[in-house]
N, C-alpha and C. Protein backbone atom coordinates (compact mmCIF):
# COMPACT_ATOMS: atom_id res chain seq x y z
N MET A 1 0.83 -1.50 0.18
CA MET A 1 0.11 0.35 -0.23
C MET A 1 0.96 1.03 -0.27
N THR A 2 1.26 1.79 -0.57
CA THR A 2 1.59 3.11 -1.38
C THR A 2 1.50 4.27 -0.92
N ASP A 3 -0.25 4.31 -0.40
CA ASP A 3 -1.34 5.37 -0.11
C ASP A 3 -0.59 5.96 1.78
N GLY A 4 -0.02 4.76 2.64
CA GLY A 4 -0.01 4.52 4.11
C GLY A 4 -0.71 4.67 4.53
N THR A 5 -2.19 3.91 4.21
CA THR A 5 -3.28 3.38 5.04
C THR A 5 -2.97 2.19 5.57
N ALA A 6 -3.14 2.02 6.32
CA ALA A 6 -2.97 0.71 6.81
C ALA A 6 -4.03 -0.88 7.34
N PRO A 7 -3.75 -2.18 6.98
CA PRO A 7 -4.44 -2.68 6.74
C PRO A 7 -5.61 -3.04 6.88
N THR A 8 -5.82 -2.23 7.74
CA THR A 8 -6.85 -2.61 9.15
C THR A 8 -8.24 -1.50 8.72
N ASP A 9 -7.84 -0.35 7.20
CA ASP A 9 -9.25 0.18 7.11
C ASP A 9 -9.48 -0.50 6.23
N SER A 10 -9.34 -1.95 5.81
CA SER A 10 -10.37 -2.48 5.01
C SER A 10 -11.40 -2.75 5.68
N PRO A 11 -12.60 -2.66 4.36
CA PRO A 11 -13.49 -3.28 4.85
C PRO A 11 -14.00 -4.97 4.97
N ALA A 12 -12.76 -5.69 4.52
CA ALA A 12 -12.58 -7.24 4.94
C ALA A 12 -12.27 -7.46 6.77
N THR A 13 -11.66 -6.33 7.10
CA THR A 13 -11.59 -6.70 8.36
C THR A 13 -12.54 -6.98 8.94
N LEU A 14 -13.85 -6.66 8.56
CA LEU A 14 -15.56 -7.58 9.50
C LEU A 14 -15.25 -9.00 8.63
N TYR A 15 -14.79 -9.38 7.88
CA TYR A 15 -15.45 -11.30 7.97
C TYR A 15 -15.54 -11.27 8.77
N GLY A 16 -14.26 -11.76 10.00
CA GLY A 16 -14.62 -12.22 11.26
C GLY A 16 -15.31 -11.71 11.78
N PRO A 17 -16.24 -10.61 12.47
CA PRO A 17 -17.15 -10.52 13.43
C PRO A 17 -18.85 -10.44 12.88
N VAL A 18 -18.62 -10.55 11.08
CA VAL A 18 -20.11 -10.78 10.57
C VAL A 18 -20.00 -12.26 10.80
N SER A 19 -19.08 -12.96 10.57
CA SER A 19 -19.31 -14.62 10.77
C SER A 19 -19.21 -14.90 11.90
N LEU A 20 -19.04 -14.28 12.96
CA LEU A 20 -19.81 -14.38 13.67
C LEU A 20 -21.07 -13.60 14.63
N VAL A 21 -21.63 -12.80 13.82
CA VAL A 21 -22.53 -12.76 14.11
C VAL A 21 -23.43 -13.71 13.50
N LEU A 22 -23.25 -14.18 12.60
CA LEU A 22 -24.13 -15.30 11.69
C LEU A 22 -24.00 -16.62 12.31
N GLY A 23 -23.10 -16.94 12.89
CA GLY A 23 -22.77 -18.02 13.31
C GLY A 23 -23.87 -17.66 14.34
N VAL A 24 -23.69 -17.95 14.88
CA VAL A 24 -24.92 -16.92 16.33
C VAL A 24 -25.86 -16.99 15.92
N VAL A 25 -26.20 -16.27 14.92
CA VAL A 25 -28.26 -16.30 14.73
C VAL A 25 -28.37 -17.55 14.23
N ALA A 26 -27.58 -18.41 13.26
CA ALA A 26 -27.65 -19.43 13.10
C ALA A 26 -27.88 -20.22 14.28
N THR A 27 -26.96 -20.52 14.73
CA THR A 27 -26.61 -21.41 15.96
C THR A 27 -28.53 -21.32 17.03
N VAL A 28 -28.66 -20.40 17.48
CA VAL A 28 -29.58 -20.03 17.95
C VAL A 28 -30.86 -20.31 17.37
N THR A 29 -31.26 -19.87 15.89
CA THR A 29 -32.22 -19.79 15.05
C THR A 29 -32.16 -21.60 15.58
N ALA A 30 -31.53 -22.64 14.94
CA ALA A 30 -31.01 -24.07 15.04
C ALA A 30 -31.84 -24.32 15.80
N ALA A 31 -31.44 -23.85 17.14
CA ALA A 31 -32.16 -24.66 18.22
C ALA A 31 -34.24 -24.56 18.11
N LEU A 32 -34.29 -23.44 17.81
CA LEU A 32 -35.28 -23.02 17.79
C LEU A 32 -36.16 -23.37 16.28
N SER A 33 -35.24 -24.51 15.56
CA SER A 33 -36.40 -24.84 13.94
C SER A 33 -37.22 -25.69 14.02
N GLY A 34 -37.49 -26.39 15.25
CA GLY A 34 -39.43 -26.02 15.50
C GLY A 34 -39.87 -26.08 15.09
N PHE A 35 -39.76 -24.27 15.67
CA PHE A 35 -40.94 -23.51 15.24
C PHE A 35 -40.81 -22.37 14.41
N ILE A 36 -39.21 -22.56 13.87
CA ILE A 36 -38.89 -21.05 12.79
C ILE A 36 -38.92 -21.61 11.97
N GLY A 37 -38.73 -23.71 11.58
CA GLY A 37 -38.41 -23.41 10.17
C GLY A 37 -37.22 -23.94 10.20
N ILE A 38 -36.08 -24.16 9.30
CA ILE A 38 -35.12 -24.67 8.93
C ILE A 38 -34.42 -23.65 7.93
N ALA A 39 -35.13 -22.27 7.09
CA ALA A 39 -34.47 -21.73 5.96
C ALA A 39 -33.68 -20.60 6.78
N ILE A 40 -33.67 -20.17 7.55
CA ILE A 40 -33.16 -19.24 8.69
C ILE A 40 -31.45 -19.22 8.88
N PRO A 41 -31.64 -21.00 9.94
CA PRO A 41 -30.45 -21.17 10.07
C PRO A 41 -29.34 -21.79 9.08
N LEU A 42 -30.00 -21.99 7.98
CA LEU A 42 -29.75 -23.03 6.54
C LEU A 42 -28.65 -21.48 6.17
N LEU A 43 -29.28 -20.27 5.85
CA LEU A 43 -28.77 -19.37 4.95
C LEU A 43 -27.63 -18.44 6.04
N ALA A 44 -28.17 -18.41 7.15
CA ALA A 44 -27.40 -17.58 8.30
C ALA A 44 -25.93 -18.23 8.73
N GLY A 45 -26.27 -19.93 8.52
CA GLY A 45 -25.29 -20.72 8.52
C GLY A 45 -23.85 -20.40 7.52
N ALA A 46 -24.61 -20.67 6.64
CA ALA A 46 -23.78 -20.71 5.43
C ALA A 46 -23.04 -19.56 5.11
N LEU A 47 -24.12 -18.35 4.95
CA LEU A 47 -22.97 -16.97 5.48
C LEU A 47 -22.07 -16.86 6.05
N ALA A 48 -22.15 -17.35 7.72
CA ALA A 48 -21.39 -17.26 8.19
C ALA A 48 -20.34 -18.16 8.09
N VAL A 49 -19.94 -19.46 7.22
CA VAL A 49 -19.29 -20.12 6.67
C VAL A 49 -18.47 -19.58 5.96
N THR A 50 -19.00 -18.57 4.88
CA THR A 50 -18.16 -18.37 3.91
C THR A 50 -17.06 -17.06 3.69
N PHE A 51 -17.97 -16.22 5.03
CA PHE A 51 -17.69 -15.22 5.66
C PHE A 51 -16.42 -15.78 6.86
N GLY A 52 -16.66 -16.57 7.52
CA GLY A 52 -15.33 -16.83 7.84
C GLY A 52 -14.25 -17.46 7.37
N LEU A 53 -14.68 -18.39 6.09
CA LEU A 53 -13.69 -19.03 5.16
C LEU A 53 -13.23 -18.13 5.13
N LEU A 54 -13.63 -16.85 4.61
CA LEU A 54 -13.02 -15.56 4.14
C LEU A 54 -12.03 -15.20 4.52
N GLY A 55 -12.64 -13.97 5.72
CA GLY A 55 -11.43 -14.36 6.86
C GLY A 55 -10.09 -14.79 7.33
N LEU A 56 -10.62 -16.47 7.43
CA LEU A 56 -9.41 -17.30 7.68
C LEU A 56 -7.96 -17.04 6.18
N GLY A 57 -9.03 -17.17 5.10
CA GLY A 57 -8.06 -17.26 3.50
C GLY A 57 -6.70 -16.02 4.23
N ARG A 58 -7.64 -14.57 4.50
CA ARG A 58 -7.32 -13.50 4.24
C ARG A 58 -6.12 -12.90 5.73
N ARG A 59 -6.23 -13.19 6.42
CA ARG A 59 -5.70 -13.41 7.76
C ARG A 59 -5.92 -12.43 8.51
N LEU A 60 -7.46 -12.44 8.83
CA LEU A 60 -7.57 -11.10 9.31
C LEU A 60 -8.54 -11.69 10.61
N ASN A 61 -8.31 -10.99 11.77
CA ASN A 61 -9.65 -11.10 12.89
C ASN A 61 -9.64 -12.91 12.12
N ARG A 62 -8.84 -13.91 12.95
CA ARG A 62 -8.51 -15.52 12.43
C ARG A 62 -9.30 -15.62 13.96
N GLY A 63 -9.53 -15.55 15.39
CA GLY A 63 -10.34 -16.06 16.30
C GLY A 63 -11.59 -15.75 15.88
N LEU A 64 -12.23 -14.78 15.55
CA LEU A 64 -13.58 -14.83 15.14
C LEU A 64 -14.16 -15.56 14.19
N SER A 65 -12.60 -15.29 12.63
CA SER A 65 -13.18 -16.03 11.65
C SER A 65 -13.85 -17.87 12.05
N ALA A 66 -12.64 -18.13 12.69
CA ALA A 66 -12.56 -19.57 13.42
C ALA A 66 -14.01 -19.61 13.95
N LEU A 67 -14.65 -18.68 15.12
CA LEU A 67 -15.82 -19.08 16.15
C LEU A 67 -16.89 -19.05 15.12
N GLY A 68 -16.83 -18.28 14.59
CA GLY A 68 -17.81 -18.39 13.05
C GLY A 68 -18.28 -19.18 12.24
N VAL A 69 -16.95 -19.56 11.59
CA VAL A 69 -17.07 -20.77 10.93
C VAL A 69 -17.82 -22.34 11.92
N ALA A 70 -16.96 -22.03 13.23
CA ALA A 70 -17.43 -24.00 14.02
C ALA A 70 -19.64 -23.32 13.59
N THR A 71 -19.72 -22.47 14.70
CA THR A 71 -20.65 -21.56 15.09
C THR A 71 -21.80 -21.88 13.68
N GLY A 72 -21.34 -21.08 12.55
CA GLY A 72 -22.05 -21.78 11.03
C GLY A 72 -22.42 -22.97 11.02
N SER A 73 -21.23 -23.69 10.91
CA SER A 73 -21.68 -25.11 10.34
C SER A 73 -22.58 -25.82 11.33
N LEU A 74 -22.60 -25.30 13.03
CA LEU A 74 -23.28 -26.32 13.67
C LEU A 74 -24.99 -25.34 13.17
N GLY A 75 -24.86 -24.37 12.95
CA GLY A 75 -26.30 -23.70 12.12
C GLY A 75 -26.57 -24.32 11.29
N VAL A 76 -25.66 -24.27 10.69
CA VAL A 76 -26.14 -25.16 9.04
C VAL A 76 -26.36 -27.09 9.84
N LEU A 77 -25.56 -27.80 10.12
CA LEU A 77 -26.21 -28.96 10.59
C LEU A 77 -26.95 -29.17 11.51
N TYR A 78 -27.53 -28.74 11.82
CA TYR A 78 -27.96 -29.46 12.80
C TYR A 78 -29.53 -29.18 12.54
N PRO A 79 -30.39 -28.27 11.66
CA PRO A 79 -31.35 -28.52 11.28
C PRO A 79 -31.07 -29.45 9.79
N VAL A 80 -30.49 -30.04 9.67
CA VAL A 80 -30.39 -31.25 8.33
C VAL A 80 -30.18 -32.30 8.83
N PHE A 81 -29.50 -32.78 10.21
CA PHE A 81 -29.55 -34.33 10.84
C PHE A 81 -30.52 -34.48 11.97
N LEU A 82 -31.89 -33.05 12.18
CA LEU A 82 -32.47 -33.28 12.72
C LEU A 82 -33.85 -33.36 11.40
N VAL A 83 -33.60 -33.02 10.80
CA VAL A 83 -34.45 -33.28 9.31
C VAL A 83 -34.62 -35.22 8.68
N ALA A 84 -33.10 -35.03 9.28
CA ALA A 84 -33.09 -37.08 8.56
C ALA A 84 -33.13 -37.91 9.61
N LEU A 85 -32.95 -37.28 11.03
CA LEU A 85 -33.30 -38.77 12.02
C LEU A 85 -34.97 -38.19 11.81
N LEU A 86 -35.79 -37.38 11.51
CA LEU A 86 -37.68 -37.17 11.60
C LEU A 86 -38.11 -38.17 10.72
N THR A 87 -37.29 -38.35 8.94
CA THR A 87 -37.37 -38.80 8.32
C THR A 87 -37.23 -40.29 7.31
């Protein structure tokens, strides 16, 4: 960066926090999937995993990105296993 800006000025630094928030939303809504359906946890979980992997790939906020991937994948897998057990 030739203009002197730090890499923390990039919007990419938000991948970790956004991933964690979406992962928590996916996990909470997955626990309530019997009441609200499985669309919200699947969508939020998939977005959490995507943003978390982008954050891990760019090496920005790695802890938050890893937690976002973990909670997002839990939010995706729980309703899938729930539907598989009920069928």
